[in-house]
Amino acid sequence: MCLGVLLTACGEDEELSPKPYAFHRIDVPEVVYEVWESDCAYTFEKSKAARIGIPRDARQSCWINLEYPQINATVYLTYGRIGSGADLGRYIAEAQRLTYKHTIKASSIEEIPVSNPEKRVFGFYYKVGGNAASNSQFYLTDSTGHFVRGSMYFYATPRADSLAPVVAYVQADLEHLLQTFRWK
């Protein structure tokens, strides 16, 4: 009897084809901002969906991670103190070098100047298009004493089309962070 069921289940007129790959639906968190305060030389408004993490290998106390556990993303923020004009040039060159390392996979890199003279915040925001490992990078400085660099990464294979909703969400958060960033 079992043999009869197996033989009838395997009809010859059925065409077998593999199922196409599918991606899970991604629900992004609600956008609500709060001020992040600490002993660091800077402050900004961050999404309530992002939590502050302190990296274990932080070389300085004001290196932080903005972690988005719901969408598996992290924005790494590193802080440096500027001691002379040469230090600022070195920091900017390193930030640009790290951003442009992504040109191998990037389809575009859009440079957006950041300038808020009233808050003494200057720098660049880089939107990286395509399947690059990091979709957003930035650096901010007051030109005399402080420098912050940020980079966004997802813990997923970089596929621009499937990550587009979460990339847009985090980029909107970063743009808000850049607008509300200030030195203490």
N, C-alpha and C. Protein backbone atom coordinates (compact mmCIF):
# COMPACT_ATOMS: atom_id res chain seq x y z
N MET A 1 0.81 -1.18 0.00
CA MET A 1 0.00 0.00 0.00
C MET A 1 0.87 1.27 0.00
N CYS A 2 1.94 1.30 0.79
CA CYS A 2 2.84 2.46 0.82
C CYS A 2 3.49 2.65 -0.54
N LEU A 3 3.81 1.56 -1.21
CA LEU A 3 4.44 1.65 -2.51
C LEU A 3 3.50 2.29 -3.51
N GLY A 4 2.21 1.99 -3.42
CA GLY A 4 1.21 2.57 -4.32
C GLY A 4 1.08 4.07 -4.12
N VAL A 5 1.13 4.54 -2.87
CA VAL A 5 1.04 5.97 -2.58
C VAL A 5 2.26 6.69 -3.13
N LEU A 6 3.44 6.11 -2.96
CA LEU A 6 4.67 6.74 -3.46
C LEU A 6 4.67 6.83 -4.98
N LEU A 7 4.20 5.79 -5.65
CA LEU A 7 4.20 5.80 -7.11
C LEU A 7 3.20 6.80 -7.67
N THR A 8 2.07 6.98 -7.04
CA THR A 8 1.09 7.94 -7.55
C THR A 8 1.48 9.37 -7.21
N ALA A 9 2.28 9.55 -6.18
CA ALA A 9 2.70 10.89 -5.80
C ALA A 9 3.74 11.46 -6.75
N CYS A 10 4.41 10.62 -7.50
CA CYS A 10 5.46 11.07 -8.40
C CYS A 10 4.95 11.06 -9.83
N GLY A 11 4.08 11.95 -10.15
CA GLY A 11 3.55 12.02 -11.51
C GLY A 11 4.60 12.54 -12.48
N GLU A 12 4.56 12.05 -13.73
CA GLU A 12 5.56 12.43 -14.72
C GLU A 12 5.25 13.76 -15.39
N ASP A 13 4.02 14.21 -15.37
CA ASP A 13 3.67 15.42 -16.09
C ASP A 13 3.91 16.70 -15.28
N GLU A 14 4.40 16.59 -14.05
CA GLU A 14 4.72 17.77 -13.25
C GLU A 14 6.08 18.33 -13.66
N GLU A 15 6.14 19.63 -13.80
CA GLU A 15 7.41 20.28 -14.12
C GLU A 15 7.99 20.85 -12.83
N LEU A 16 9.19 20.42 -12.51
CA LEU A 16 9.84 20.88 -11.29
C LEU A 16 10.68 22.11 -11.59
N SER A 17 10.61 23.10 -10.73
CA SER A 17 11.45 24.28 -10.88
C SER A 17 11.81 24.78 -9.48
N PRO A 18 12.99 25.34 -9.34
CA PRO A 18 13.39 25.83 -8.02
C PRO A 18 12.59 27.07 -7.65
N LYS A 19 12.39 27.25 -6.36
CA LYS A 19 11.69 28.43 -5.89
C LYS A 19 12.64 29.62 -5.97
N PRO A 20 12.13 30.79 -6.34
CA PRO A 20 13.02 31.97 -6.40
C PRO A 20 13.41 32.40 -4.99
N TYR A 21 14.56 33.06 -4.90
CA TYR A 21 14.99 33.59 -3.62
C TYR A 21 14.04 34.70 -3.19
N ALA A 22 13.81 34.81 -1.93
CA ALA A 22 12.95 35.87 -1.39
C ALA A 22 13.64 36.47 -0.18
N PHE A 23 13.31 37.69 0.10
CA PHE A 23 13.88 38.38 1.25
C PHE A 23 12.77 38.68 2.24
N HIS A 24 13.12 38.66 3.51
CA HIS A 24 12.14 38.95 4.55
C HIS A 24 11.72 40.41 4.46
N ARG A 25 10.49 40.66 4.84
CA ARG A 25 10.01 42.02 4.91
C ARG A 25 10.71 42.70 6.08
N ILE A 26 11.13 43.92 5.87
CA ILE A 26 11.85 44.65 6.91
C ILE A 26 10.94 45.77 7.40
N ASP A 27 10.61 45.73 8.67
CA ASP A 27 9.84 46.81 9.29
C ASP A 27 10.81 47.71 10.03
N VAL A 28 10.84 48.97 9.64
CA VAL A 28 11.74 49.91 10.32
C VAL A 28 11.05 50.48 11.54
N PRO A 29 11.82 50.80 12.57
CA PRO A 29 11.24 51.34 13.82
C PRO A 29 10.62 52.73 13.60
N GLU A 30 9.78 53.12 14.52
CA GLU A 30 9.17 54.44 14.50
C GLU A 30 10.26 55.49 14.72
N VAL A 31 10.11 56.64 14.08
CA VAL A 31 11.11 57.70 14.19
C VAL A 31 10.73 58.64 15.34
N VAL A 32 11.47 58.53 16.43
CA VAL A 32 11.32 59.41 17.59
C VAL A 32 12.74 59.72 18.06
N TYR A 33 13.04 61.01 18.27
CA TYR A 33 14.39 61.40 18.63
C TYR A 33 14.49 61.83 20.09
N GLU A 34 15.70 61.64 20.64
CA GLU A 34 16.01 62.09 21.99
C GLU A 34 17.44 62.62 22.00
N VAL A 35 17.73 63.52 22.91
CA VAL A 35 19.08 64.10 23.03
C VAL A 35 19.98 63.09 23.73
N TRP A 36 21.16 62.88 23.16
CA TRP A 36 22.15 62.02 23.80
C TRP A 36 23.17 62.92 24.47
N GLU A 37 23.30 62.78 25.77
CA GLU A 37 24.25 63.56 26.57
C GLU A 37 25.24 62.61 27.23
N SER A 38 26.46 63.06 27.35
CA SER A 38 27.49 62.28 28.04
C SER A 38 28.59 63.23 28.50
N ASP A 39 29.70 62.66 28.96
CA ASP A 39 30.86 63.47 29.32
C ASP A 39 31.72 63.80 28.11
N CYS A 40 31.33 63.32 26.94
CA CYS A 40 32.09 63.57 25.72
C CYS A 40 32.00 65.04 25.31
N ALA A 41 32.84 65.43 24.39
CA ALA A 41 32.91 66.81 23.94
C ALA A 41 31.81 67.17 22.96
N TYR A 42 30.90 66.25 22.70
CA TYR A 42 29.85 66.48 21.72
C TYR A 42 28.52 65.88 22.19
N THR A 43 27.44 66.37 21.58
CA THR A 43 26.11 65.85 21.84
C THR A 43 25.31 65.91 20.54
N PHE A 44 24.23 65.16 20.47
CA PHE A 44 23.38 65.15 19.29
C PHE A 44 22.05 64.48 19.65
N GLU A 45 21.10 64.59 18.73
CA GLU A 45 19.84 63.87 18.89
C GLU A 45 19.95 62.56 18.12
N LYS A 46 19.51 61.48 18.77
CA LYS A 46 19.55 60.16 18.15
C LYS A 46 18.17 59.55 18.17
N SER A 47 17.96 58.58 17.33
CA SER A 47 16.70 57.85 17.31
C SER A 47 16.57 57.05 18.60
N LYS A 48 15.36 56.96 19.14
CA LYS A 48 15.13 56.13 20.32
C LYS A 48 15.30 54.65 19.99
N ALA A 49 15.22 54.30 18.71
CA ALA A 49 15.41 52.91 18.30
C ALA A 49 16.87 52.50 18.38
N ALA A 50 17.77 53.47 18.41
CA ALA A 50 19.21 53.18 18.49
C ALA A 50 19.66 53.23 19.94
N ARG A 51 20.45 52.26 20.34
CA ARG A 51 21.01 52.28 21.69
C ARG A 51 22.50 52.59 21.57
N ILE A 52 23.03 53.16 22.62
CA ILE A 52 24.45 53.52 22.66
C ILE A 52 25.23 52.33 23.19
N GLY A 53 26.24 51.93 22.44
CA GLY A 53 27.14 50.87 22.87
C GLY A 53 28.55 51.41 22.95
N ILE A 54 29.31 50.93 23.88
CA ILE A 54 30.72 51.33 24.02
C ILE A 54 31.56 50.18 23.49
N PRO A 55 32.35 50.42 22.44
CA PRO A 55 33.16 49.34 21.89
C PRO A 55 34.20 48.85 22.89
N ARG A 56 34.41 47.54 22.89
CA ARG A 56 35.39 46.95 23.81
C ARG A 56 36.81 47.42 23.51
N ASP A 57 37.10 47.63 22.24
CA ASP A 57 38.46 48.02 21.86
C ASP A 57 38.61 49.53 21.69
N ALA A 58 37.73 50.30 22.31
CA ALA A 58 37.78 51.76 22.17
C ALA A 58 39.11 52.30 22.67
N ARG A 59 39.76 53.07 21.83
CA ARG A 59 41.04 53.66 22.21
C ARG A 59 40.83 54.91 23.05
N GLN A 60 39.64 55.47 22.94
CA GLN A 60 39.31 56.65 23.72
C GLN A 60 37.92 56.46 24.31
N SER A 61 37.63 57.19 25.36
CA SER A 61 36.35 57.01 26.04
C SER A 61 35.16 57.54 25.25
N CYS A 62 35.36 58.38 24.29
CA CYS A 62 34.24 58.96 23.53
C CYS A 62 34.03 58.29 22.18
N TRP A 63 34.54 57.08 22.02
CA TRP A 63 34.18 56.28 20.86
C TRP A 63 32.90 55.54 21.23
N ILE A 64 31.88 55.68 20.39
CA ILE A 64 30.60 55.02 20.69
C ILE A 64 30.05 54.34 19.45
N ASN A 65 29.13 53.44 19.67
CA ASN A 65 28.39 52.79 18.59
C ASN A 65 26.91 53.09 18.76
N LEU A 66 26.28 53.54 17.68
CA LEU A 66 24.82 53.66 17.65
C LEU A 66 24.31 52.35 17.08
N GLU A 67 23.75 51.52 17.92
CA GLU A 67 23.34 50.18 17.50
C GLU A 67 21.83 50.15 17.26
N TYR A 68 21.45 49.62 16.11
CA TYR A 68 20.05 49.45 15.73
C TYR A 68 19.77 47.94 15.72
N PRO A 69 19.45 47.35 16.87
CA PRO A 69 19.30 45.89 16.92
C PRO A 69 18.13 45.37 16.08
N GLN A 70 17.09 46.17 15.93
CA GLN A 70 15.91 45.73 15.18
C GLN A 70 16.20 45.57 13.68
N ILE A 71 17.15 46.35 13.16
CA ILE A 71 17.46 46.26 11.73
C ILE A 71 18.90 45.80 11.49
N ASN A 72 19.58 45.38 12.53
CA ASN A 72 20.92 44.78 12.41
C ASN A 72 21.94 45.75 11.80
N ALA A 73 21.94 46.98 12.27
CA ALA A 73 22.86 48.00 11.75
C ALA A 73 23.57 48.68 12.91
N THR A 74 24.74 49.21 12.61
CA THR A 74 25.51 49.97 13.61
C THR A 74 26.18 51.16 12.93
N VAL A 75 26.14 52.30 13.60
CA VAL A 75 26.89 53.48 13.18
C VAL A 75 28.03 53.62 14.19
N TYR A 76 29.25 53.53 13.70
CA TYR A 76 30.44 53.61 14.54
C TYR A 76 30.91 55.06 14.57
N LEU A 77 31.04 55.63 15.77
CA LEU A 77 31.52 57.00 15.94
C LEU A 77 32.86 56.96 16.66
N THR A 78 33.85 57.59 16.06
CA THR A 78 35.16 57.70 16.69
C THR A 78 35.47 59.18 16.91
N TYR A 79 36.11 59.47 18.01
CA TYR A 79 36.42 60.84 18.39
C TYR A 79 37.92 61.02 18.49
N GLY A 80 38.40 62.16 18.04
CA GLY A 80 39.81 62.50 18.18
C GLY A 80 39.98 63.94 18.58
N ARG A 81 40.96 64.19 19.38
CA ARG A 81 41.28 65.54 19.81
C ARG A 81 42.32 66.10 18.86
N ILE A 82 42.10 67.33 18.43
CA ILE A 82 43.03 67.98 17.49
C ILE A 82 44.04 68.77 18.31
N GLY A 83 45.33 68.48 18.07
CA GLY A 83 46.38 69.17 18.81
C GLY A 83 47.04 70.27 18.00
N SER A 84 47.00 70.13 16.68
CA SER A 84 47.61 71.13 15.81
C SER A 84 46.95 71.03 14.45
N GLY A 85 47.25 71.95 13.58
CA GLY A 85 46.69 71.93 12.22
C GLY A 85 47.04 70.66 11.47
N ALA A 86 48.21 70.10 11.76
CA ALA A 86 48.63 68.86 11.09
C ALA A 86 47.73 67.70 11.49
N ASP A 87 47.27 67.67 12.74
CA ASP A 87 46.37 66.60 13.18
C ASP A 87 45.06 66.65 12.42
N LEU A 88 44.49 67.83 12.22
CA LEU A 88 43.22 67.96 11.50
C LEU A 88 43.37 67.44 10.08
N GLY A 89 44.44 67.82 9.42
CA GLY A 89 44.68 67.33 8.05
C GLY A 89 44.81 65.82 8.01
N ARG A 90 45.48 65.25 8.98
CA ARG A 90 45.63 63.79 9.03
C ARG A 90 44.29 63.11 9.27
N TYR A 91 43.48 63.65 10.18
CA TYR A 91 42.15 63.09 10.45
C TYR A 91 41.26 63.14 9.21
N ILE A 92 41.26 64.27 8.51
CA ILE A 92 40.43 64.41 7.31
C ILE A 92 40.90 63.45 6.23
N ALA A 93 42.20 63.36 6.01
CA ALA A 93 42.74 62.45 5.00
C ALA A 93 42.37 61.01 5.30
N GLU A 94 42.45 60.62 6.56
CA GLU A 94 42.09 59.25 6.95
C GLU A 94 40.60 58.99 6.74
N ALA A 95 39.75 59.96 7.09
CA ALA A 95 38.30 59.81 6.89
C ALA A 95 37.98 59.66 5.40
N GLN A 96 38.62 60.46 4.56
CA GLN A 96 38.39 60.35 3.12
C GLN A 96 38.93 59.04 2.56
N ARG A 97 40.09 58.61 3.04
CA ARG A 97 40.67 57.34 2.57
C ARG A 97 39.74 56.17 2.91
N LEU A 98 39.22 56.16 4.13
CA LEU A 98 38.33 55.08 4.54
C LEU A 98 37.01 55.11 3.76
N THR A 99 36.52 56.29 3.44
CA THR A 99 35.30 56.39 2.63
C THR A 99 35.54 55.89 1.22
N TYR A 100 36.61 56.32 0.60
CA TYR A 100 36.85 55.98 -0.80
C TYR A 100 37.42 54.58 -1.00
N LYS A 101 37.67 53.85 0.09
CA LYS A 101 38.01 52.42 -0.05
C LYS A 101 36.82 51.65 -0.61
N HIS A 102 35.62 52.21 -0.49
CA HIS A 102 34.40 51.54 -0.94
C HIS A 102 34.14 51.72 -2.44
N THR A 103 35.02 52.43 -3.15
CA THR A 103 34.78 52.64 -4.59
C THR A 103 34.82 51.34 -5.38
N ILE A 104 35.41 50.30 -4.84
CA ILE A 104 35.46 49.01 -5.54
C ILE A 104 34.05 48.49 -5.78
N LYS A 105 33.18 48.61 -4.80
CA LYS A 105 31.80 48.10 -4.91
C LYS A 105 30.77 49.21 -5.09
N ALA A 106 31.13 50.45 -4.81
CA ALA A 106 30.17 51.55 -4.85
C ALA A 106 29.83 51.93 -6.29
N SER A 107 28.57 52.27 -6.51
CA SER A 107 28.17 52.79 -7.82
C SER A 107 28.28 54.31 -7.85
N SER A 108 28.29 54.93 -6.67
CA SER A 108 28.44 56.37 -6.56
C SER A 108 28.83 56.74 -5.13
N ILE A 109 29.46 57.89 -5.00
CA ILE A 109 29.72 58.48 -3.68
C ILE A 109 29.35 59.95 -3.79
N GLU A 110 28.30 60.33 -3.07
CA GLU A 110 27.83 61.70 -3.08
C GLU A 110 28.42 62.43 -1.87
N GLU A 111 29.13 63.51 -2.12
CA GLU A 111 29.74 64.32 -1.05
C GLU A 111 28.82 65.47 -0.73
N ILE A 112 28.38 65.55 0.52
CA ILE A 112 27.48 66.62 0.95
C ILE A 112 28.18 67.41 2.04
N PRO A 113 28.49 68.69 1.80
CA PRO A 113 29.15 69.49 2.84
C PRO A 113 28.22 69.73 4.02
N VAL A 114 28.80 69.73 5.21
CA VAL A 114 28.09 70.04 6.45
C VAL A 114 28.71 71.32 6.99
N SER A 115 27.88 72.34 7.18
CA SER A 115 28.40 73.60 7.69
C SER A 115 27.36 74.27 8.57
N ASN A 116 27.71 74.43 9.82
CA ASN A 116 26.86 75.14 10.76
C ASN A 116 27.77 76.05 11.60
N PRO A 117 28.07 77.24 11.05
CA PRO A 117 29.02 78.14 11.74
C PRO A 117 28.58 78.54 13.15
N GLU A 118 27.26 78.64 13.39
CA GLU A 118 26.78 79.03 14.72
C GLU A 118 27.17 78.00 15.78
N LYS A 119 27.18 76.72 15.40
CA LYS A 119 27.54 75.65 16.34
C LYS A 119 28.99 75.19 16.15
N ARG A 120 29.71 75.84 15.22
CA ARG A 120 31.10 75.49 14.89
C ARG A 120 31.21 74.02 14.47
N VAL A 121 30.29 73.57 13.62
CA VAL A 121 30.29 72.20 13.11
C VAL A 121 30.51 72.25 11.61
N PHE A 122 31.60 71.62 11.16
CA PHE A 122 31.95 71.59 9.74
C PHE A 122 32.38 70.17 9.37
N GLY A 123 32.16 69.80 8.14
CA GLY A 123 32.59 68.48 7.70
C GLY A 123 31.94 68.06 6.41
N PHE A 124 31.91 66.75 6.18
CA PHE A 124 31.31 66.17 4.98
C PHE A 124 30.53 64.92 5.35
N TYR A 125 29.43 64.74 4.64
CA TYR A 125 28.59 63.54 4.74
C TYR A 125 28.66 62.86 3.38
N TYR A 126 28.99 61.57 3.39
CA TYR A 126 29.14 60.81 2.15
C TYR A 126 28.05 59.75 2.07
N LYS A 127 27.23 59.82 1.01
CA LYS A 127 26.23 58.78 0.74
C LYS A 127 26.85 57.87 -0.32
N VAL A 128 27.01 56.61 0.05
CA VAL A 128 27.67 55.64 -0.83
C VAL A 128 26.59 54.76 -1.46
N GLY A 129 26.50 54.77 -2.79
CA GLY A 129 25.49 53.98 -3.50
C GLY A 129 26.03 52.63 -3.93
N GLY A 130 25.13 51.71 -4.22
CA GLY A 130 25.53 50.39 -4.70
C GLY A 130 25.70 49.39 -3.58
N ASN A 131 26.45 48.33 -3.86
CA ASN A 131 26.63 47.22 -2.92
C ASN A 131 27.87 47.38 -2.05
N ALA A 132 28.17 48.58 -1.65
CA ALA A 132 29.32 48.83 -0.77
C ALA A 132 29.00 48.37 0.65
N ALA A 133 30.03 48.05 1.39
CA ALA A 133 29.85 47.57 2.76
C ALA A 133 29.29 48.66 3.68
N SER A 134 29.62 49.91 3.42
CA SER A 134 29.13 51.03 4.22
C SER A 134 28.38 51.99 3.31
N ASN A 135 27.13 52.29 3.64
CA ASN A 135 26.31 53.15 2.80
C ASN A 135 26.41 54.63 3.17
N SER A 136 26.94 54.92 4.35
CA SER A 136 27.06 56.31 4.79
C SER A 136 28.32 56.46 5.64
N GLN A 137 29.00 57.58 5.42
CA GLN A 137 30.18 57.94 6.20
C GLN A 137 30.13 59.45 6.39
N PHE A 138 30.73 59.93 7.45
CA PHE A 138 30.81 61.37 7.65
C PHE A 138 31.96 61.70 8.58
N TYR A 139 32.35 62.97 8.54
CA TYR A 139 33.24 63.48 9.57
C TYR A 139 32.81 64.90 9.92
N LEU A 140 33.00 65.26 11.17
CA LEU A 140 32.64 66.59 11.68
C LEU A 140 33.79 67.11 12.53
N THR A 141 34.00 68.42 12.47
CA THR A 141 35.07 69.03 13.25
C THR A 141 34.68 70.47 13.60
N ASP A 142 35.32 71.00 14.63
CA ASP A 142 35.19 72.43 14.90
C ASP A 142 36.42 73.17 14.36
N SER A 143 37.32 72.44 13.72
CA SER A 143 38.55 72.93 13.07
C SER A 143 39.66 73.29 14.03
N THR A 144 39.41 73.28 15.32
CA THR A 144 40.46 73.68 16.26
C THR A 144 40.75 72.67 17.35
N GLY A 145 39.74 71.93 17.82
CA GLY A 145 39.98 71.05 18.95
C GLY A 145 39.38 69.66 18.88
N HIS A 146 38.34 69.46 18.03
CA HIS A 146 37.61 68.20 18.06
C HIS A 146 37.36 67.65 16.66
N PHE A 147 37.28 66.33 16.58
CA PHE A 147 37.01 65.64 15.30
C PHE A 147 36.22 64.37 15.60
N VAL A 148 35.12 64.15 14.87
CA VAL A 148 34.32 62.93 14.99
C VAL A 148 34.14 62.35 13.59
N ARG A 149 34.32 61.06 13.49
CA ARG A 149 34.10 60.34 12.23
C ARG A 149 33.04 59.29 12.47
N GLY A 150 32.14 59.11 11.50
CA GLY A 150 31.08 58.12 11.62
C GLY A 150 30.99 57.26 10.37
N SER A 151 30.63 55.99 10.56
CA SER A 151 30.42 55.07 9.43
C SER A 151 29.32 54.09 9.78
N MET A 152 28.45 53.82 8.81
CA MET A 152 27.30 52.95 9.01
C MET A 152 27.56 51.60 8.34
N TYR A 153 27.28 50.52 9.07
CA TYR A 153 27.42 49.16 8.55
C TYR A 153 26.21 48.32 8.94
N PHE A 154 25.85 47.40 8.08
CA PHE A 154 24.82 46.42 8.36
C PHE A 154 25.48 45.06 8.53
N TYR A 155 24.92 44.24 9.38
CA TYR A 155 25.41 42.88 9.55
C TYR A 155 24.64 41.99 8.59
N ALA A 156 24.86 42.23 7.30
CA ALA A 156 24.20 41.49 6.23
C ALA A 156 25.03 41.67 4.97
N THR A 157 24.82 40.79 4.01
CA THR A 157 25.48 40.92 2.72
C THR A 157 24.97 42.20 2.06
N PRO A 158 25.87 43.07 1.60
CA PRO A 158 25.41 44.33 1.02
C PRO A 158 24.71 44.13 -0.33
N ARG A 159 23.40 44.24 -0.31
CA ARG A 159 22.58 44.19 -1.53
C ARG A 159 21.73 45.45 -1.52
N ALA A 160 22.10 46.40 -2.36
CA ALA A 160 21.47 47.72 -2.33
C ALA A 160 19.96 47.65 -2.49
N ASP A 161 19.47 46.76 -3.36
CA ASP A 161 18.03 46.72 -3.59
C ASP A 161 17.25 46.20 -2.39
N SER A 162 17.74 45.18 -1.72
CA SER A 162 17.00 44.62 -0.59
C SER A 162 17.21 45.41 0.69
N LEU A 163 18.33 46.11 0.83
CA LEU A 163 18.59 46.92 2.03
C LEU A 163 18.07 48.35 1.91
N ALA A 164 17.53 48.72 0.76
CA ALA A 164 17.12 50.11 0.51
C ALA A 164 16.24 50.71 1.60
N PRO A 165 15.22 50.01 2.11
CA PRO A 165 14.38 50.64 3.15
C PRO A 165 15.14 50.96 4.44
N VAL A 166 16.01 50.07 4.87
CA VAL A 166 16.74 50.32 6.11
C VAL A 166 17.88 51.31 5.90
N VAL A 167 18.48 51.31 4.72
CA VAL A 167 19.50 52.30 4.41
C VAL A 167 18.87 53.70 4.46
N ALA A 168 17.71 53.85 3.84
CA ALA A 168 17.02 55.15 3.85
C ALA A 168 16.67 55.56 5.28
N TYR A 169 16.23 54.61 6.09
CA TYR A 169 15.87 54.90 7.49
C TYR A 169 17.09 55.41 8.27
N VAL A 170 18.20 54.69 8.19
CA VAL A 170 19.39 55.09 8.96
C VAL A 170 19.98 56.37 8.39
N GLN A 171 19.95 56.54 7.07
CA GLN A 171 20.47 57.79 6.49
C GLN A 171 19.65 58.99 6.96
N ALA A 172 18.34 58.83 7.08
CA ALA A 172 17.51 59.92 7.62
C ALA A 172 17.91 60.22 9.07
N ASP A 173 18.18 59.18 9.85
CA ASP A 173 18.66 59.38 11.23
C ASP A 173 20.00 60.10 11.25
N LEU A 174 20.90 59.71 10.35
CA LEU A 174 22.21 60.35 10.30
C LEU A 174 22.08 61.82 9.90
N GLU A 175 21.22 62.11 8.95
CA GLU A 175 21.02 63.50 8.56
C GLU A 175 20.48 64.32 9.72
N HIS A 176 19.59 63.73 10.53
CA HIS A 176 19.09 64.42 11.72
C HIS A 176 20.23 64.60 12.74
N LEU A 177 21.03 63.57 12.92
CA LEU A 177 22.18 63.65 13.82
C LEU A 177 23.10 64.79 13.39
N LEU A 178 23.39 64.90 12.09
CA LEU A 178 24.28 65.95 11.59
C LEU A 178 23.69 67.33 11.82
N GLN A 179 22.37 67.47 11.69
CA GLN A 179 21.72 68.76 11.90
C GLN A 179 21.69 69.17 13.37
N THR A 180 21.64 68.19 14.28
CA THR A 180 21.53 68.51 15.71
C THR A 180 22.85 68.38 16.46
N PHE A 181 23.91 67.98 15.77
CA PHE A 181 25.23 67.80 16.39
C PHE A 181 25.76 69.13 16.88
N ARG A 182 26.33 69.12 18.08
CA ARG A 182 26.99 70.32 18.59
C ARG A 182 28.13 69.93 19.52
N TRP A 183 29.10 70.83 19.60
CA TRP A 183 30.22 70.65 20.53
C TRP A 183 29.84 71.29 21.85
N LYS A 184 30.37 70.74 22.93
CA LYS A 184 30.09 71.30 24.27
C LYS A 184 31.10 72.37 24.60
